[in-house]
Amino acid sequence: MKNRISIDPSAPDSLLTGAKKINENFDQIDSKIEQFETVTKSEIAYLHWRAGINEKNILEMALELETVKGAVLNGMTSNIYIESFIDVEDVILLNGATKHDSTNKKVYLV
């Protein structure tokens, strides 16, 4: 308990009691502010994480749209399957089947 309001101990009881109540209220407010800050930081972290996912989804949709546009323009739309890889995070590289160039961030099929 922080004593924000200090009163001379020889002051009347009503002043001491009032100062204690005010200090207790300040402590409760501090506790609520700390809880709010914790929740706010958590929410900000979640929104940051969600924004990253949304950005990745938008990039994937843009790549798929460009692929479909190219297929339509070239008349190659039968049996088309699109799988976008923004990075190799979800790709399992099998020995001998692929080569990963970490410098240029590319995967080559061998």
N, C-alpha and C. Protein backbone atom coordinates (compact mmCIF):
# COMPACT_ATOMS: atom_id res chain seq x y z
N MET A 1 0.85 -1.18 0.00
CA MET A 1 0.00 0.00 0.00
C MET A 1 0.89 1.24 0.00
N LYS A 2 0.73 2.03 -1.02
CA LYS A 2 1.47 3.29 -1.11
C LYS A 2 0.69 4.36 -0.36
N ASN A 3 1.39 5.14 0.41
CA ASN A 3 0.73 6.23 1.12
C ASN A 3 0.87 7.50 0.30
N ARG A 4 -0.11 7.77 -0.51
CA ARG A 4 -0.09 8.98 -1.32
C ARG A 4 -0.49 10.19 -0.48
N ILE A 5 -1.39 9.90 0.45
CA ILE A 5 -1.83 10.97 1.35
C ILE A 5 -1.31 10.61 2.72
N SER A 6 -0.45 11.44 3.24
CA SER A 6 0.05 11.19 4.59
C SER A 6 -0.43 12.31 5.51
N ILE A 7 -0.82 11.88 6.67
CA ILE A 7 -1.36 12.83 7.65
C ILE A 7 -0.63 12.58 8.96
N ASP A 8 -0.45 13.61 9.65
CA ASP A 8 0.19 13.54 10.96
C ASP A 8 -0.60 12.58 11.85
N PRO A 9 0.07 11.60 12.46
CA PRO A 9 -0.62 10.65 13.32
C PRO A 9 -1.40 11.30 14.46
N SER A 10 -1.04 12.51 14.80
CA SER A 10 -1.78 13.17 15.88
C SER A 10 -3.04 13.86 15.36
N ALA A 11 -3.31 13.74 14.07
CA ALA A 11 -4.52 14.34 13.50
C ALA A 11 -5.73 13.58 14.00
N PRO A 12 -6.91 14.19 13.91
CA PRO A 12 -8.14 13.51 14.35
C PRO A 12 -8.37 12.21 13.56
N ASP A 13 -9.05 11.27 14.20
CA ASP A 13 -9.30 9.96 13.61
C ASP A 13 -10.02 10.06 12.26
N SER A 14 -10.91 11.01 12.14
CA SER A 14 -11.67 11.12 10.89
C SER A 14 -10.75 11.45 9.72
N LEU A 15 -9.74 12.25 9.94
CA LEU A 15 -8.78 12.58 8.87
C LEU A 15 -7.92 11.37 8.52
N LEU A 16 -7.47 10.64 9.55
CA LEU A 16 -6.66 9.44 9.31
C LEU A 16 -7.46 8.38 8.56
N THR A 17 -8.69 8.16 8.99
CA THR A 17 -9.56 7.19 8.34
C THR A 17 -9.83 7.59 6.89
N GLY A 18 -10.09 8.84 6.67
CA GLY A 18 -10.34 9.33 5.31
C GLY A 18 -9.11 9.17 4.42
N ALA A 19 -7.94 9.47 4.94
CA ALA A 19 -6.70 9.33 4.17
C ALA A 19 -6.45 7.86 3.83
N LYS A 20 -6.71 6.96 4.80
CA LYS A 20 -6.54 5.52 4.54
C LYS A 20 -7.47 5.05 3.43
N LYS A 21 -8.73 5.51 3.47
CA LYS A 21 -9.70 5.12 2.44
C LYS A 21 -9.27 5.62 1.07
N ILE A 22 -8.78 6.84 1.01
CA ILE A 22 -8.33 7.39 -0.26
C ILE A 22 -7.13 6.59 -0.78
N ASN A 23 -6.19 6.28 0.11
CA ASN A 23 -5.03 5.49 -0.30
C ASN A 23 -5.44 4.09 -0.78
N GLU A 24 -6.42 3.47 -0.10
CA GLU A 24 -6.92 2.16 -0.53
C GLU A 24 -7.56 2.25 -1.92
N ASN A 25 -8.32 3.33 -2.16
CA ASN A 25 -8.94 3.51 -3.47
C ASN A 25 -7.88 3.69 -4.56
N PHE A 26 -6.84 4.44 -4.24
CA PHE A 26 -5.74 4.59 -5.20
C PHE A 26 -5.10 3.23 -5.50
N ASP A 27 -4.93 2.41 -4.49
CA ASP A 27 -4.35 1.07 -4.68
C ASP A 27 -5.23 0.21 -5.59
N GLN A 28 -6.55 0.29 -5.38
CA GLN A 28 -7.47 -0.46 -6.23
C GLN A 28 -7.40 0.02 -7.68
N ILE A 29 -7.31 1.32 -7.84
CA ILE A 29 -7.20 1.88 -9.20
C ILE A 29 -5.91 1.40 -9.86
N ASP A 30 -4.80 1.42 -9.11
CA ASP A 30 -3.52 0.93 -9.65
C ASP A 30 -3.63 -0.53 -10.09
N SER A 31 -4.30 -1.34 -9.27
CA SER A 31 -4.48 -2.75 -9.60
C SER A 31 -5.29 -2.91 -10.89
N LYS A 32 -6.35 -2.14 -11.03
CA LYS A 32 -7.18 -2.20 -12.24
C LYS A 32 -6.38 -1.76 -13.47
N ILE A 33 -5.56 -0.73 -13.31
CA ILE A 33 -4.75 -0.25 -14.43
C ILE A 33 -3.74 -1.32 -14.85
N GLU A 34 -3.13 -2.00 -13.88
CA GLU A 34 -2.19 -3.06 -14.20
C GLU A 34 -2.89 -4.20 -14.94
N GLN A 35 -4.09 -4.56 -14.50
CA GLN A 35 -4.86 -5.60 -15.19
C GLN A 35 -5.18 -5.16 -16.62
N PHE A 36 -5.59 -3.92 -16.78
CA PHE A 36 -5.92 -3.38 -18.10
C PHE A 36 -4.70 -3.41 -19.00
N GLU A 37 -3.54 -3.03 -18.48
CA GLU A 37 -2.32 -3.04 -19.28
C GLU A 37 -1.95 -4.45 -19.72
N THR A 38 -2.13 -5.43 -18.83
CA THR A 38 -1.84 -6.81 -19.18
C THR A 38 -2.76 -7.30 -20.29
N VAL A 39 -4.05 -7.03 -20.16
CA VAL A 39 -5.02 -7.44 -21.18
C VAL A 39 -4.73 -6.73 -22.50
N THR A 40 -4.42 -5.45 -22.43
CA THR A 40 -4.14 -4.68 -23.64
C THR A 40 -2.94 -5.23 -24.38
N LYS A 41 -1.87 -5.55 -23.65
CA LYS A 41 -0.67 -6.12 -24.28
C LYS A 41 -1.00 -7.46 -24.94
N SER A 42 -1.80 -8.26 -24.29
CA SER A 42 -2.21 -9.55 -24.85
C SER A 42 -3.02 -9.35 -26.13
N GLU A 43 -3.95 -8.41 -26.10
CA GLU A 43 -4.78 -8.14 -27.28
C GLU A 43 -3.94 -7.61 -28.44
N ILE A 44 -2.98 -6.75 -28.14
CA ILE A 44 -2.10 -6.21 -29.18
C ILE A 44 -1.29 -7.34 -29.81
N ALA A 45 -0.78 -8.23 -28.99
CA ALA A 45 -0.02 -9.38 -29.52
C ALA A 45 -0.90 -10.23 -30.42
N TYR A 46 -2.15 -10.48 -30.00
CA TYR A 46 -3.07 -11.26 -30.83
C TYR A 46 -3.36 -10.56 -32.16
N LEU A 47 -3.61 -9.25 -32.11
CA LEU A 47 -3.89 -8.52 -33.35
C LEU A 47 -2.70 -8.52 -34.29
N HIS A 48 -1.50 -8.43 -33.73
CA HIS A 48 -0.29 -8.49 -34.55
C HIS A 48 -0.17 -9.85 -35.23
N TRP A 49 -0.42 -10.92 -34.46
CA TRP A 49 -0.38 -12.27 -35.00
C TRP A 49 -1.44 -12.44 -36.09
N ARG A 50 -2.63 -11.95 -35.83
CA ARG A 50 -3.73 -12.07 -36.79
C ARG A 50 -3.45 -11.28 -38.07
N ALA A 51 -2.85 -10.10 -37.93
CA ALA A 51 -2.50 -9.29 -39.10
C ALA A 51 -1.51 -10.03 -39.99
N GLY A 52 -0.57 -10.73 -39.38
CA GLY A 52 0.39 -11.52 -40.16
C GLY A 52 -0.29 -12.62 -40.95
N ILE A 53 -1.26 -13.28 -40.33
CA ILE A 53 -2.00 -14.33 -41.03
C ILE A 53 -2.82 -13.73 -42.17
N ASN A 54 -3.49 -12.61 -41.90
CA ASN A 54 -4.29 -11.97 -42.94
C ASN A 54 -3.42 -11.53 -44.11
N GLU A 55 -2.26 -10.99 -43.82
CA GLU A 55 -1.35 -10.56 -44.89
C GLU A 55 -0.92 -11.74 -45.74
N LYS A 56 -0.60 -12.85 -45.09
CA LYS A 56 -0.21 -14.07 -45.82
C LYS A 56 -1.37 -14.57 -46.69
N ASN A 57 -2.59 -14.56 -46.15
CA ASN A 57 -3.75 -15.01 -46.92
C ASN A 57 -4.00 -14.11 -48.14
N ILE A 58 -3.84 -12.82 -47.97
CA ILE A 58 -4.04 -11.89 -49.08
C ILE A 58 -3.00 -12.13 -50.17
N LEU A 59 -1.75 -12.35 -49.76
CA LEU A 59 -0.70 -12.63 -50.74
C LEU A 59 -0.99 -13.93 -51.49
N GLU A 60 -1.43 -14.94 -50.76
CA GLU A 60 -1.76 -16.22 -51.41
C GLU A 60 -2.91 -16.05 -52.40
N MET A 61 -3.93 -15.29 -52.03
CA MET A 61 -5.05 -15.06 -52.95
C MET A 61 -4.60 -14.30 -54.19
N ALA A 62 -3.73 -13.32 -54.01
CA ALA A 62 -3.22 -12.55 -55.15
C ALA A 62 -2.43 -13.45 -56.09
N LEU A 63 -1.61 -14.34 -55.54
CA LEU A 63 -0.85 -15.28 -56.38
C LEU A 63 -1.78 -16.22 -57.14
N GLU A 64 -2.79 -16.72 -56.45
CA GLU A 64 -3.74 -17.62 -57.10
C GLU A 64 -4.51 -16.90 -58.20
N LEU A 65 -4.92 -15.67 -57.96
CA LEU A 65 -5.63 -14.89 -58.96
C LEU A 65 -4.76 -14.68 -60.19
N GLU A 66 -3.51 -14.33 -60.00
CA GLU A 66 -2.60 -14.13 -61.14
C GLU A 66 -2.38 -15.43 -61.91
N THR A 67 -2.29 -16.54 -61.19
CA THR A 67 -2.12 -17.84 -61.85
C THR A 67 -3.34 -18.19 -62.69
N VAL A 68 -4.53 -17.98 -62.13
CA VAL A 68 -5.76 -18.27 -62.87
C VAL A 68 -5.90 -17.33 -64.06
N LYS A 69 -5.58 -16.07 -63.90
CA LYS A 69 -5.63 -15.12 -65.03
C LYS A 69 -4.70 -15.57 -66.15
N GLY A 70 -3.49 -15.98 -65.77
CA GLY A 70 -2.55 -16.46 -66.78
C GLY A 70 -3.05 -17.71 -67.47
N ALA A 71 -3.67 -18.62 -66.72
CA ALA A 71 -4.20 -19.85 -67.30
C ALA A 71 -5.34 -19.54 -68.26
N VAL A 72 -6.23 -18.62 -67.91
CA VAL A 72 -7.35 -18.25 -68.78
C VAL A 72 -6.83 -17.58 -70.04
N LEU A 73 -5.88 -16.67 -69.89
CA LEU A 73 -5.33 -15.98 -71.06
C LEU A 73 -4.64 -16.93 -72.03
N ASN A 74 -4.06 -18.01 -71.51
CA ASN A 74 -3.35 -18.97 -72.36
C ASN A 74 -4.19 -20.18 -72.71
N GLY A 75 -5.45 -20.21 -72.30
CA GLY A 75 -6.36 -21.30 -72.64
C GLY A 75 -6.01 -22.61 -71.96
N MET A 76 -5.39 -22.57 -70.81
CA MET A 76 -4.99 -23.79 -70.11
C MET A 76 -5.72 -23.88 -68.78
N THR A 77 -7.03 -24.03 -68.82
CA THR A 77 -7.80 -24.02 -67.58
C THR A 77 -8.30 -25.39 -67.15
N SER A 78 -8.09 -26.43 -67.95
CA SER A 78 -8.58 -27.74 -67.54
C SER A 78 -7.61 -28.38 -66.56
N ASN A 79 -8.18 -29.00 -65.53
CA ASN A 79 -7.41 -29.71 -64.51
C ASN A 79 -6.35 -28.84 -63.84
N ILE A 80 -6.69 -27.61 -63.55
CA ILE A 80 -5.72 -26.73 -62.89
C ILE A 80 -5.87 -26.85 -61.38
N TYR A 81 -4.76 -26.95 -60.72
CA TYR A 81 -4.73 -27.02 -59.25
C TYR A 81 -3.69 -26.02 -58.78
N ILE A 82 -4.08 -25.19 -57.85
CA ILE A 82 -3.17 -24.14 -57.39
C ILE A 82 -2.84 -24.36 -55.93
N GLU A 83 -1.56 -24.36 -55.62
CA GLU A 83 -1.08 -24.41 -54.24
C GLU A 83 0.01 -23.35 -54.12
N SER A 84 -0.21 -22.38 -53.26
CA SER A 84 0.75 -21.28 -53.11
C SER A 84 1.63 -21.53 -51.90
N PHE A 85 2.89 -21.22 -52.04
CA PHE A 85 3.82 -21.30 -50.93
C PHE A 85 4.53 -19.95 -50.83
N ILE A 86 4.16 -19.19 -49.83
CA ILE A 86 4.82 -17.91 -49.59
C ILE A 86 6.24 -18.17 -49.08
N ASP A 87 6.37 -19.18 -48.25
CA ASP A 87 7.67 -19.58 -47.74
C ASP A 87 7.68 -21.10 -47.62
N VAL A 88 8.76 -21.65 -47.16
CA VAL A 88 8.86 -23.10 -47.06
C VAL A 88 8.51 -23.61 -45.66
N GLU A 89 7.80 -22.80 -44.91
CA GLU A 89 7.45 -23.14 -43.53
C GLU A 89 6.63 -24.43 -43.45
N ASP A 90 5.68 -24.62 -44.35
CA ASP A 90 4.80 -25.79 -44.32
C ASP A 90 5.20 -26.85 -45.33
N VAL A 91 6.36 -26.71 -45.95
CA VAL A 91 6.79 -27.66 -46.97
C VAL A 91 7.81 -28.61 -46.36
N ILE A 92 7.60 -29.89 -46.58
CA ILE A 92 8.55 -30.90 -46.12
C ILE A 92 9.42 -31.28 -47.32
N LEU A 93 10.69 -31.02 -47.22
CA LEU A 93 11.61 -31.32 -48.32
C LEU A 93 12.12 -32.74 -48.16
N LEU A 94 11.90 -33.56 -49.19
CA LEU A 94 12.36 -34.93 -49.17
C LEU A 94 13.74 -35.00 -49.80
N ASN A 95 14.58 -35.85 -49.26
CA ASN A 95 15.93 -35.99 -49.79
C ASN A 95 15.89 -36.43 -51.25
N GLY A 96 16.59 -35.71 -52.09
CA GLY A 96 16.69 -36.07 -53.49
C GLY A 96 15.59 -35.53 -54.38
N ALA A 97 14.46 -35.16 -53.81
CA ALA A 97 13.35 -34.70 -54.63
C ALA A 97 13.40 -33.19 -54.86
N THR A 98 13.97 -32.48 -53.93
CA THR A 98 14.00 -31.02 -54.03
C THR A 98 15.35 -30.49 -53.58
N LYS A 99 15.60 -29.26 -53.98
CA LYS A 99 16.80 -28.56 -53.53
C LYS A 99 16.36 -27.21 -53.01
N HIS A 100 16.78 -26.86 -51.81
CA HIS A 100 16.39 -25.59 -51.21
C HIS A 100 17.56 -24.63 -51.26
N ASP A 101 17.35 -23.49 -51.91
CA ASP A 101 18.36 -22.43 -51.99
C ASP A 101 17.99 -21.39 -50.94
N SER A 102 18.62 -21.48 -49.76
CA SER A 102 18.26 -20.58 -48.66
C SER A 102 18.71 -19.14 -48.92
N THR A 103 19.71 -18.94 -49.76
CA THR A 103 20.18 -17.59 -50.06
C THR A 103 19.13 -16.83 -50.88
N ASN A 104 18.62 -17.47 -51.92
CA ASN A 104 17.62 -16.84 -52.79
C ASN A 104 16.19 -17.18 -52.39
N LYS A 105 16.06 -17.99 -51.34
CA LYS A 105 14.75 -18.41 -50.83
C LYS A 105 13.89 -19.04 -51.92
N LYS A 106 14.45 -20.07 -52.57
CA LYS A 106 13.74 -20.79 -53.63
C LYS A 106 13.87 -22.28 -53.38
N VAL A 107 12.86 -23.02 -53.84
CA VAL A 107 12.87 -24.49 -53.80
C VAL A 107 12.83 -24.96 -55.25
N TYR A 108 13.78 -25.82 -55.58
CA TYR A 108 13.86 -26.37 -56.95
C TYR A 108 13.47 -27.83 -56.92
N LEU A 109 12.67 -28.24 -57.87
CA LEU A 109 12.34 -29.65 -58.05
C LEU A 109 13.45 -30.26 -58.90
N VAL A 110 13.97 -31.37 -58.44
CA VAL A 110 15.09 -32.00 -59.14
C VAL A 110 14.57 -33.09 -60.05
